[in-house]
Amino acid sequence: MSKKKIQQIWGLVLMLAGIGVFYRIPQVIPKIKIIETFSNTIGVIKFSFYVLGVLLIFGGIRKILKNK
């Protein structure tokens, strides 16, 4: 396998991980709200998860396009 092909596959994996983060957020946030320590900062936690998902998706797209 060539290095470009491996990088494209890695980009796809990053992109799918980002999509997975968006899929899991609604399932995980109610569990985090139960924890008393984090219940006051749920907005920051939600924002952080969404930023993480966006960064993974854009990083994956960038890697795929760069290694075409």
Protein backbone atom coordinates (compact mmCIF):
# COMPACT_ATOMS: atom_id res chain seq x y z
CA MET A 1 0.00 0.00 0.00
CA SER A 2 1.31 3.42 -0.87
CA LYS A 3 1.77 6.14 1.71
CA LYS A 4 -0.89 8.31 0.04
CA LYS A 5 -3.45 5.50 0.24
CA ILE A 6 -2.72 4.99 3.94
CA GLN A 7 -3.09 8.74 4.55
CA GLN A 8 -6.44 8.75 2.71
CA ILE A 9 -7.67 5.85 4.85
CA TRP A 10 -6.48 7.66 7.99
CA GLY A 11 -8.37 10.77 6.83
CA LEU A 12 -11.51 8.69 6.38
CA VAL A 13 -11.09 7.24 9.87
CA LEU A 14 -10.74 10.76 11.32
CA MET A 15 -13.84 11.92 9.49
CA LEU A 16 -15.86 8.93 10.70
CA ALA A 17 -14.66 9.53 14.27
CA GLY A 18 -15.94 13.12 14.03
CA ILE A 19 -19.30 11.92 12.78
CA GLY A 20 -19.35 9.39 15.63
CA VAL A 21 -18.81 12.19 18.15
CA PHE A 22 -21.87 14.02 16.80
CA TYR A 23 -23.86 10.78 17.00
CA ARG A 24 -22.83 10.09 20.62
CA ILE A 25 -23.30 13.58 22.11
CA PRO A 26 -27.08 13.27 22.68
CA GLN A 27 -26.54 9.88 24.35
CA VAL A 28 -23.67 10.94 26.62
CA ILE A 29 -24.80 14.40 27.80
CA PRO A 30 -27.66 13.09 30.00
CA LYS A 31 -25.19 10.74 31.72
CA ILE A 32 -22.78 13.63 32.32
CA LYS A 33 -25.61 15.79 33.77
CA ILE A 34 -26.08 13.19 36.50
CA ILE A 35 -22.55 13.79 37.79
CA GLU A 36 -22.89 16.64 40.27
CA THR A 37 -19.44 18.09 39.58
CA PHE A 38 -20.15 18.57 35.86
CA SER A 39 -23.83 19.53 36.01
CA ASN A 40 -23.05 23.25 36.31
CA THR A 41 -20.72 23.32 33.29
CA ILE A 42 -22.77 21.25 30.86
CA GLY A 43 -22.76 24.05 28.25
CA VAL A 44 -18.97 24.14 28.17
CA ILE A 45 -18.79 20.37 27.94
CA LYS A 46 -21.30 20.27 25.09
CA PHE A 47 -19.43 23.03 23.24
CA SER A 48 -16.16 21.14 23.68
CA PHE A 49 -17.62 17.94 22.25
CA TYR A 50 -19.02 19.77 19.22
CA VAL A 51 -15.70 21.53 18.58
CA LEU A 52 -13.91 18.18 18.83
CA GLY A 53 -16.31 16.66 16.29
CA VAL A 54 -15.87 19.57 13.86
CA LEU A 55 -12.08 19.43 14.16
CA LEU A 56 -12.03 15.70 13.49
CA ILE A 57 -14.28 16.02 10.44
CA PHE A 58 -12.37 18.94 8.92
CA GLY A 59 -9.02 17.33 9.72
CA GLY A 60 -10.11 14.14 7.97
CA ILE A 61 -11.39 16.03 4.93
CA ARG A 62 -8.17 18.02 4.76
CA LYS A 63 -6.05 14.87 4.93
CA ILE A 64 -8.11 13.17 2.22
CA LEU A 65 -7.92 16.16 -0.13
CA LYS A 66 -4.21 16.73 0.52
CA ASN A 67 -3.33 13.13 -0.39
CA LYS A 68 -5.32 12.75 -3.59
